[in-house]
N, C-alpha and C. Protein backbone atom coordinates (compact mmCIF):
# COMPACT_ATOMS: atom_id res chain seq x y z
N UNK A 1 -135.70 130.75 102.28
CA UNK A 1 -135.58 130.20 103.61
C UNK A 1 -136.94 130.24 104.30
N UNK A 2 -137.30 129.14 104.93
CA UNK A 2 -138.55 129.07 105.67
C UNK A 2 -138.28 129.45 107.11
N UNK A 3 -139.00 130.45 107.57
CA UNK A 3 -138.85 130.89 108.95
C UNK A 3 -139.66 130.00 109.88
N UNK A 4 -139.19 129.87 111.11
CA UNK A 4 -140.00 129.11 112.07
C UNK A 4 -141.35 129.79 112.29
N UNK A 5 -142.33 129.04 112.76
CA UNK A 5 -143.64 129.58 113.10
C UNK A 5 -143.44 130.46 114.34
N UNK A 6 -143.49 131.78 114.15
CA UNK A 6 -143.19 132.72 115.24
C UNK A 6 -144.21 132.60 116.37
N UNK A 7 -145.48 132.42 116.05
CA UNK A 7 -146.50 132.29 117.10
C UNK A 7 -146.19 131.08 117.97
N UNK A 8 -145.88 129.95 117.34
CA UNK A 8 -145.56 128.73 118.09
C UNK A 8 -144.28 128.93 118.91
N UNK A 9 -143.30 129.58 118.32
CA UNK A 9 -142.03 129.82 119.00
C UNK A 9 -142.23 130.69 120.24
N UNK A 10 -142.97 131.79 120.11
CA UNK A 10 -143.21 132.67 121.25
C UNK A 10 -144.02 131.95 122.32
N UNK A 11 -144.97 131.14 121.91
CA UNK A 11 -145.77 130.36 122.87
C UNK A 11 -144.87 129.37 123.61
N UNK A 12 -144.02 128.69 122.88
CA UNK A 12 -143.09 127.72 123.48
C UNK A 12 -142.16 128.39 124.49
N UNK A 13 -141.75 129.62 124.19
CA UNK A 13 -140.84 130.35 125.07
C UNK A 13 -141.56 131.04 126.23
N UNK A 14 -142.90 131.01 126.21
CA UNK A 14 -143.68 131.58 127.30
C UNK A 14 -143.82 133.09 127.22
N UNK A 15 -143.74 133.64 126.03
CA UNK A 15 -143.88 135.09 125.90
C UNK A 15 -145.31 135.51 126.16
N UNK A 16 -145.48 136.54 127.02
CA UNK A 16 -146.79 137.11 127.32
C UNK A 16 -146.67 138.62 127.14
N UNK A 17 -147.24 139.14 126.08
CA UNK A 17 -147.13 140.56 125.74
C UNK A 17 -147.67 141.46 126.85
N UNK A 18 -148.64 140.98 127.63
CA UNK A 18 -149.20 141.80 128.70
C UNK A 18 -148.26 141.90 129.90
N UNK A 19 -147.33 140.96 130.03
CA UNK A 19 -146.43 140.92 131.19
C UNK A 19 -144.99 141.28 130.86
N UNK A 20 -144.67 141.39 129.60
CA UNK A 20 -143.29 141.59 129.18
C UNK A 20 -142.95 143.06 128.97
N UNK A 21 -141.69 143.38 129.13
CA UNK A 21 -141.21 144.73 128.79
C UNK A 21 -140.98 144.85 127.29
N UNK A 22 -141.10 143.75 126.59
CA UNK A 22 -140.93 143.75 125.13
C UNK A 22 -142.28 143.81 124.44
N UNK A 23 -142.32 144.50 123.32
CA UNK A 23 -143.51 144.44 122.47
C UNK A 23 -143.49 143.10 121.76
N UNK A 24 -144.62 142.75 121.21
CA UNK A 24 -144.67 141.48 120.46
C UNK A 24 -143.68 141.51 119.30
N UNK A 25 -143.61 142.63 118.58
CA UNK A 25 -142.70 142.73 117.44
C UNK A 25 -141.24 142.57 117.91
N UNK A 26 -140.90 143.20 119.03
CA UNK A 26 -139.54 143.05 119.57
C UNK A 26 -139.25 141.59 119.90
N UNK A 27 -140.21 140.93 120.53
CA UNK A 27 -140.03 139.52 120.89
C UNK A 27 -139.87 138.65 119.64
N UNK A 28 -140.68 138.91 118.63
CA UNK A 28 -140.58 138.16 117.37
C UNK A 28 -139.19 138.29 116.77
N UNK A 29 -138.73 139.51 116.68
CA UNK A 29 -137.44 139.76 116.04
C UNK A 29 -136.31 139.15 116.85
N UNK A 30 -136.33 139.30 118.16
CA UNK A 30 -135.29 138.69 118.99
C UNK A 30 -135.30 137.17 118.86
N UNK A 31 -136.49 136.58 118.91
CA UNK A 31 -136.59 135.12 118.80
C UNK A 31 -136.00 134.63 117.48
N UNK A 32 -136.28 135.34 116.41
CA UNK A 32 -135.75 134.94 115.10
C UNK A 32 -134.24 135.20 115.01
N UNK A 33 -133.80 136.34 115.51
CA UNK A 33 -132.37 136.67 115.46
C UNK A 33 -131.55 135.67 116.28
N UNK A 34 -132.09 135.25 117.43
CA UNK A 34 -131.38 134.30 118.28
C UNK A 34 -131.31 132.91 117.64
N UNK A 35 -132.10 132.70 116.62
CA UNK A 35 -132.03 131.45 115.85
C UNK A 35 -131.22 131.60 114.58
N UNK A 36 -130.50 132.71 114.50
CA UNK A 36 -129.57 132.92 113.39
C UNK A 36 -130.18 133.47 112.12
N UNK A 37 -131.42 133.92 112.18
CA UNK A 37 -132.07 134.48 110.99
C UNK A 37 -131.54 135.90 110.77
N UNK A 38 -131.13 136.19 109.54
CA UNK A 38 -130.59 137.50 109.22
C UNK A 38 -131.68 138.57 109.23
N UNK A 39 -131.27 139.79 109.56
CA UNK A 39 -132.21 140.91 109.58
C UNK A 39 -132.89 141.09 108.23
N UNK A 40 -132.15 140.93 107.16
CA UNK A 40 -132.71 141.10 105.81
C UNK A 40 -133.86 140.10 105.57
N UNK A 41 -133.66 138.86 105.99
CA UNK A 41 -134.68 137.82 105.82
C UNK A 41 -135.91 138.13 106.67
N UNK A 42 -135.69 138.58 107.88
CA UNK A 42 -136.80 138.94 108.77
C UNK A 42 -137.58 140.11 108.16
N UNK A 43 -136.86 141.09 107.65
CA UNK A 43 -137.50 142.26 107.04
C UNK A 43 -138.39 141.84 105.87
N UNK A 44 -137.89 140.96 105.02
CA UNK A 44 -138.67 140.48 103.88
C UNK A 44 -139.93 139.77 104.37
N UNK A 45 -139.78 138.95 105.38
CA UNK A 45 -140.92 138.20 105.94
C UNK A 45 -141.97 139.14 106.54
N UNK A 46 -141.49 140.19 107.22
CA UNK A 46 -142.41 141.12 107.88
C UNK A 46 -142.89 142.25 106.98
N UNK A 47 -142.33 142.35 105.78
CA UNK A 47 -142.73 143.40 104.85
C UNK A 47 -142.26 144.78 105.29
N UNK A 48 -141.04 144.84 105.81
CA UNK A 48 -140.49 146.11 106.26
C UNK A 48 -139.02 146.19 105.82
N UNK A 49 -138.34 147.22 106.26
CA UNK A 49 -136.94 147.38 105.86
C UNK A 49 -136.00 146.73 106.87
N UNK A 50 -134.79 146.42 106.41
CA UNK A 50 -133.76 145.88 107.29
C UNK A 50 -133.43 146.90 108.37
N UNK A 51 -133.43 148.19 108.02
CA UNK A 51 -133.14 149.25 108.99
C UNK A 51 -134.19 149.25 110.11
N UNK A 52 -135.45 149.02 109.75
CA UNK A 52 -136.50 148.96 110.77
C UNK A 52 -136.29 147.75 111.69
N UNK A 53 -135.96 146.62 111.12
CA UNK A 53 -135.70 145.42 111.93
C UNK A 53 -134.52 145.69 112.87
N UNK A 54 -133.49 146.33 112.35
CA UNK A 54 -132.32 146.66 113.16
C UNK A 54 -132.70 147.58 114.32
N UNK A 55 -133.52 148.57 114.04
CA UNK A 55 -133.96 149.51 115.07
C UNK A 55 -134.79 148.81 116.15
N UNK A 56 -135.72 147.96 115.72
CA UNK A 56 -136.57 147.23 116.66
C UNK A 56 -135.71 146.28 117.50
N UNK A 57 -134.75 145.62 116.86
CA UNK A 57 -133.87 144.71 117.59
C UNK A 57 -133.05 145.47 118.62
N UNK A 58 -132.52 146.61 118.23
CA UNK A 58 -131.72 147.42 119.14
C UNK A 58 -132.56 147.86 120.36
N UNK A 59 -133.76 148.31 120.12
CA UNK A 59 -134.66 148.71 121.21
C UNK A 59 -134.98 147.52 122.11
N UNK A 60 -135.19 146.37 121.52
CA UNK A 60 -135.50 145.16 122.29
C UNK A 60 -134.33 144.79 123.19
N UNK A 61 -133.13 144.82 122.64
CA UNK A 61 -131.95 144.47 123.44
C UNK A 61 -131.74 145.47 124.57
N UNK A 62 -132.03 146.74 124.32
CA UNK A 62 -131.92 147.74 125.38
C UNK A 62 -132.97 147.48 126.47
N UNK A 63 -134.18 147.10 126.07
CA UNK A 63 -135.22 146.77 127.05
C UNK A 63 -134.83 145.56 127.89
N UNK A 64 -134.23 144.56 127.26
CA UNK A 64 -133.77 143.38 127.98
C UNK A 64 -132.69 143.77 128.98
N UNK A 65 -131.77 144.63 128.55
CA UNK A 65 -130.70 145.10 129.43
C UNK A 65 -131.28 145.82 130.64
N UNK A 66 -132.26 146.68 130.42
CA UNK A 66 -132.90 147.42 131.52
C UNK A 66 -133.66 146.46 132.44
N UNK A 67 -134.31 145.46 131.87
CA UNK A 67 -135.04 144.49 132.69
C UNK A 67 -134.08 143.70 133.58
N UNK A 68 -132.94 143.33 133.03
CA UNK A 68 -131.93 142.62 133.83
C UNK A 68 -131.40 143.50 134.95
N UNK A 69 -131.18 144.77 134.66
CA UNK A 69 -130.72 145.71 135.67
C UNK A 69 -131.76 145.87 136.77
N UNK A 70 -133.03 145.95 136.39
CA UNK A 70 -134.11 146.08 137.36
C UNK A 70 -134.17 144.83 138.24
N UNK A 71 -134.04 143.67 137.65
CA UNK A 71 -134.05 142.42 138.41
C UNK A 71 -132.87 142.36 139.37
N UNK A 72 -131.69 142.76 138.92
CA UNK A 72 -130.51 142.76 139.78
C UNK A 72 -130.72 143.72 140.96
N UNK A 73 -131.33 144.87 140.69
CA UNK A 73 -131.62 145.83 141.75
C UNK A 73 -132.60 145.24 142.77
N UNK A 74 -133.65 144.60 142.27
CA UNK A 74 -134.65 144.01 143.16
C UNK A 74 -134.02 142.91 144.01
N UNK A 75 -133.16 142.09 143.42
CA UNK A 75 -132.46 141.05 144.18
C UNK A 75 -131.55 141.67 145.23
N UNK A 76 -130.89 142.76 144.88
CA UNK A 76 -130.00 143.43 145.83
C UNK A 76 -130.78 143.97 147.02
N UNK A 77 -131.98 144.45 146.77
CA UNK A 77 -132.81 144.99 147.85
C UNK A 77 -133.17 143.93 148.89
N UNK A 78 -133.41 142.72 148.43
CA UNK A 78 -133.88 141.66 149.32
C UNK A 78 -132.80 140.68 149.73
N UNK A 79 -131.58 140.86 149.26
CA UNK A 79 -130.50 139.93 149.59
C UNK A 79 -130.21 139.97 151.09
N UNK A 80 -130.15 138.80 151.73
CA UNK A 80 -129.85 138.78 153.17
C UNK A 80 -128.40 139.18 153.47
N UNK A 81 -127.54 139.08 152.49
CA UNK A 81 -126.14 139.49 152.66
C UNK A 81 -125.87 140.63 151.69
N UNK A 82 -125.42 141.73 152.25
CA UNK A 82 -125.08 142.89 151.43
C UNK A 82 -123.91 143.57 152.12
N UNK A 83 -122.80 143.70 151.40
CA UNK A 83 -121.65 144.37 151.99
C UNK A 83 -121.01 145.30 150.99
N UNK A 84 -120.45 146.36 151.50
CA UNK A 84 -119.74 147.32 150.66
C UNK A 84 -118.26 146.99 150.69
N UNK A 85 -117.68 146.84 149.53
CA UNK A 85 -116.24 146.65 149.39
C UNK A 85 -115.69 148.02 149.01
N UNK A 86 -114.90 148.56 149.89
CA UNK A 86 -114.44 149.93 149.72
C UNK A 86 -113.31 150.05 148.72
N UNK A 87 -113.26 151.22 148.09
CA UNK A 87 -112.17 151.54 147.17
C UNK A 87 -110.84 151.32 147.90
N UNK A 88 -109.87 150.79 147.18
CA UNK A 88 -108.56 150.52 147.76
C UNK A 88 -108.40 149.09 148.23
N UNK A 89 -109.50 148.34 148.28
CA UNK A 89 -109.43 146.94 148.71
C UNK A 89 -108.78 146.10 147.62
N UNK A 90 -107.95 145.16 148.03
CA UNK A 90 -107.33 144.20 147.11
C UNK A 90 -108.41 143.19 146.69
N UNK A 91 -108.56 142.96 145.42
CA UNK A 91 -109.56 142.02 144.91
C UNK A 91 -109.43 140.65 145.57
N UNK A 92 -108.20 140.26 145.92
CA UNK A 92 -107.98 138.96 146.54
C UNK A 92 -108.58 138.88 147.95
N UNK A 93 -108.90 140.02 148.56
CA UNK A 93 -109.51 140.04 149.89
C UNK A 93 -111.04 139.93 149.83
N UNK A 94 -111.60 140.14 148.67
CA UNK A 94 -113.06 140.17 148.53
C UNK A 94 -113.72 138.84 148.88
N UNK A 95 -113.23 137.69 148.38
CA UNK A 95 -113.91 136.43 148.73
C UNK A 95 -114.00 136.20 150.23
N UNK A 96 -112.93 136.48 150.96
CA UNK A 96 -112.98 136.27 152.41
C UNK A 96 -114.03 137.16 153.05
N UNK A 97 -114.14 138.40 152.60
CA UNK A 97 -115.17 139.31 153.13
C UNK A 97 -116.57 138.75 152.85
N UNK A 98 -116.77 138.24 151.63
CA UNK A 98 -118.07 137.69 151.25
C UNK A 98 -118.37 136.43 152.05
N UNK A 99 -117.39 135.52 152.15
CA UNK A 99 -117.59 134.27 152.88
C UNK A 99 -117.90 134.56 154.36
N UNK A 100 -117.20 135.51 154.95
CA UNK A 100 -117.43 135.86 156.36
C UNK A 100 -118.84 136.40 156.56
N UNK A 101 -119.26 137.33 155.69
CA UNK A 101 -120.60 137.90 155.80
C UNK A 101 -121.67 136.82 155.61
N UNK A 102 -121.43 135.91 154.69
CA UNK A 102 -122.39 134.83 154.44
C UNK A 102 -122.45 133.86 155.61
N UNK A 103 -121.31 133.54 156.19
CA UNK A 103 -121.29 132.66 157.37
C UNK A 103 -122.11 133.27 158.50
N UNK A 104 -121.93 134.58 158.72
CA UNK A 104 -122.67 135.27 159.78
C UNK A 104 -124.17 135.26 159.54
N UNK A 105 -124.57 135.28 158.26
CA UNK A 105 -125.99 135.31 157.91
C UNK A 105 -126.57 133.91 157.68
N UNK A 106 -125.70 132.89 157.71
CA UNK A 106 -126.17 131.53 157.48
C UNK A 106 -126.52 131.27 156.02
N UNK A 107 -125.85 131.95 155.11
CA UNK A 107 -126.10 131.80 153.68
C UNK A 107 -124.91 131.11 153.03
N UNK A 108 -125.18 130.12 152.19
CA UNK A 108 -124.11 129.40 151.50
C UNK A 108 -123.87 130.03 150.14
N UNK A 109 -122.61 130.36 149.89
CA UNK A 109 -122.21 130.94 148.61
C UNK A 109 -121.99 129.79 147.62
N UNK A 110 -122.42 129.97 146.40
CA UNK A 110 -122.30 128.91 145.39
C UNK A 110 -121.07 129.09 144.51
N UNK A 111 -120.10 129.90 144.96
CA UNK A 111 -118.90 130.16 144.17
C UNK A 111 -117.65 129.90 145.00
N UNK A 112 -116.58 129.52 144.33
CA UNK A 112 -115.28 129.41 144.96
C UNK A 112 -114.65 130.80 145.00
N UNK A 113 -113.56 130.93 145.74
CA UNK A 113 -112.87 132.23 145.82
C UNK A 113 -112.46 132.74 144.45
N UNK A 114 -111.80 131.92 143.60
CA UNK A 114 -111.43 132.43 142.27
C UNK A 114 -112.65 132.83 141.43
N UNK A 115 -113.73 132.07 141.55
CA UNK A 115 -114.95 132.41 140.81
C UNK A 115 -115.52 133.75 141.28
N UNK A 116 -115.49 133.97 142.59
CA UNK A 116 -115.98 135.25 143.14
C UNK A 116 -115.14 136.41 142.63
N UNK A 117 -113.82 136.25 142.65
CA UNK A 117 -112.95 137.33 142.17
C UNK A 117 -113.24 137.63 140.71
N UNK A 118 -113.41 136.59 139.90
CA UNK A 118 -113.70 136.80 138.48
C UNK A 118 -115.06 137.46 138.30
N UNK A 119 -116.07 137.01 139.03
CA UNK A 119 -117.41 137.59 138.94
C UNK A 119 -117.39 139.06 139.33
N UNK A 120 -116.72 139.38 140.43
CA UNK A 120 -116.64 140.78 140.88
C UNK A 120 -115.91 141.62 139.84
N UNK A 121 -114.78 141.11 139.37
CA UNK A 121 -113.98 141.86 138.40
C UNK A 121 -114.75 142.13 137.11
N UNK A 122 -115.43 141.11 136.61
CA UNK A 122 -116.16 141.25 135.34
C UNK A 122 -117.41 142.12 135.49
N UNK A 123 -118.09 142.00 136.61
CA UNK A 123 -119.36 142.69 136.79
C UNK A 123 -119.19 144.14 137.21
N UNK A 124 -118.13 144.44 137.94
CA UNK A 124 -117.94 145.78 138.48
C UNK A 124 -117.47 146.79 137.44
N UNK A 125 -117.12 146.33 136.25
CA UNK A 125 -116.67 147.25 135.20
C UNK A 125 -115.40 147.97 135.60
N UNK A 126 -115.38 149.29 135.40
CA UNK A 126 -114.16 150.05 135.69
C UNK A 126 -113.96 150.32 137.17
N UNK A 127 -114.87 149.81 138.03
CA UNK A 127 -114.67 149.96 139.48
C UNK A 127 -113.54 149.06 139.97
N UNK A 128 -113.18 148.06 139.17
CA UNK A 128 -112.07 147.17 139.51
C UNK A 128 -111.09 147.19 138.35
N UNK A 129 -109.83 147.39 138.69
CA UNK A 129 -108.77 147.36 137.68
C UNK A 129 -107.65 146.49 138.21
N UNK A 130 -107.38 145.39 137.50
CA UNK A 130 -106.37 144.44 138.00
C UNK A 130 -106.84 143.89 139.33
N UNK A 131 -106.00 144.05 140.35
CA UNK A 131 -106.36 143.56 141.68
C UNK A 131 -106.93 144.66 142.57
N UNK A 132 -107.05 145.86 142.04
CA UNK A 132 -107.48 146.99 142.87
C UNK A 132 -108.96 147.34 142.65
N UNK A 133 -109.67 147.42 143.77
CA UNK A 133 -111.03 147.95 143.74
C UNK A 133 -110.87 149.46 143.78
N UNK A 134 -111.19 150.13 142.68
CA UNK A 134 -110.95 151.57 142.58
C UNK A 134 -112.11 152.42 143.07
N UNK A 135 -113.32 151.87 143.03
CA UNK A 135 -114.51 152.57 143.50
C UNK A 135 -115.30 151.59 144.36
N UNK A 136 -116.00 152.11 145.35
CA UNK A 136 -116.81 151.24 146.20
C UNK A 136 -117.74 150.39 145.34
N UNK A 137 -117.90 149.14 145.74
CA UNK A 137 -118.86 148.24 145.10
C UNK A 137 -119.69 147.58 146.20
N UNK A 138 -120.89 147.19 145.85
CA UNK A 138 -121.76 146.50 146.79
C UNK A 138 -121.94 145.07 146.28
N UNK A 139 -121.66 144.13 147.17
CA UNK A 139 -121.83 142.72 146.83
C UNK A 139 -123.00 142.20 147.65
N UNK A 140 -123.96 141.62 146.97
CA UNK A 140 -125.11 141.02 147.63
C UNK A 140 -125.15 139.54 147.34
N UNK A 141 -125.64 138.77 148.29
CA UNK A 141 -125.79 137.33 148.10
C UNK A 141 -127.21 136.97 148.50
N UNK A 142 -127.93 136.36 147.58
CA UNK A 142 -129.31 135.98 147.82
C UNK A 142 -129.36 134.76 148.74
N UNK A 143 -130.54 134.45 149.25
CA UNK A 143 -130.69 133.32 150.16
C UNK A 143 -130.34 131.99 149.50
N UNK A 144 -130.40 131.94 148.17
CA UNK A 144 -130.01 130.71 147.47
C UNK A 144 -128.57 130.76 146.96
N UNK A 145 -127.79 131.76 147.42
CA UNK A 145 -126.36 131.80 147.15
C UNK A 145 -125.93 132.52 145.90
N UNK A 146 -126.87 133.12 145.17
CA UNK A 146 -126.48 133.87 143.98
C UNK A 146 -125.85 135.19 144.38
N UNK A 147 -124.78 135.54 143.70
CA UNK A 147 -124.04 136.75 144.01
C UNK A 147 -124.32 137.80 142.95
N UNK A 148 -124.60 139.03 143.40
CA UNK A 148 -124.72 140.13 142.45
C UNK A 148 -123.82 141.27 142.92
N UNK A 149 -123.28 141.98 141.96
CA UNK A 149 -122.34 143.05 142.23
C UNK A 149 -122.90 144.32 141.62
N UNK A 150 -122.90 145.38 142.41
CA UNK A 150 -123.43 146.65 141.94
C UNK A 150 -122.44 147.75 142.28
N UNK A 151 -122.43 148.77 141.47
CA UNK A 151 -121.62 149.94 141.77
C UNK A 151 -122.57 151.05 142.16
N UNK A 152 -122.41 151.58 143.38
CA UNK A 152 -123.34 152.62 143.86
C UNK A 152 -123.18 153.93 143.11
């Protein structure tokens, strides 16, 4: 199997090792894995073991997860709309709370009520069970209407 030109691929994707939380090797492996290349094939190409490729991939995915969390935190800090949904709140009441807070701040939400409920439920993890908000959650809405959900 012929692998794609990794240098060209990383350049096309805009990878900059000086600005990224990923090492070049992590970026290479993720780029190849996301194109369906098996770890064994990557290992042969790089002259290393499949276990090493697996380890590097795992570290890269963890770094990406942390970077996404950091970005979500930074967005939450600057969001013009931020409200706490208290434990015991019915999930069906959350969209109205969000829409009201956004109206007061002059921010347009880019989601419908059902979409908001689904987003909150999926993002809040075990803080939401069924229709019940079991633990306080913080909902932020950016000036361009993106919604992020955090558990304090």
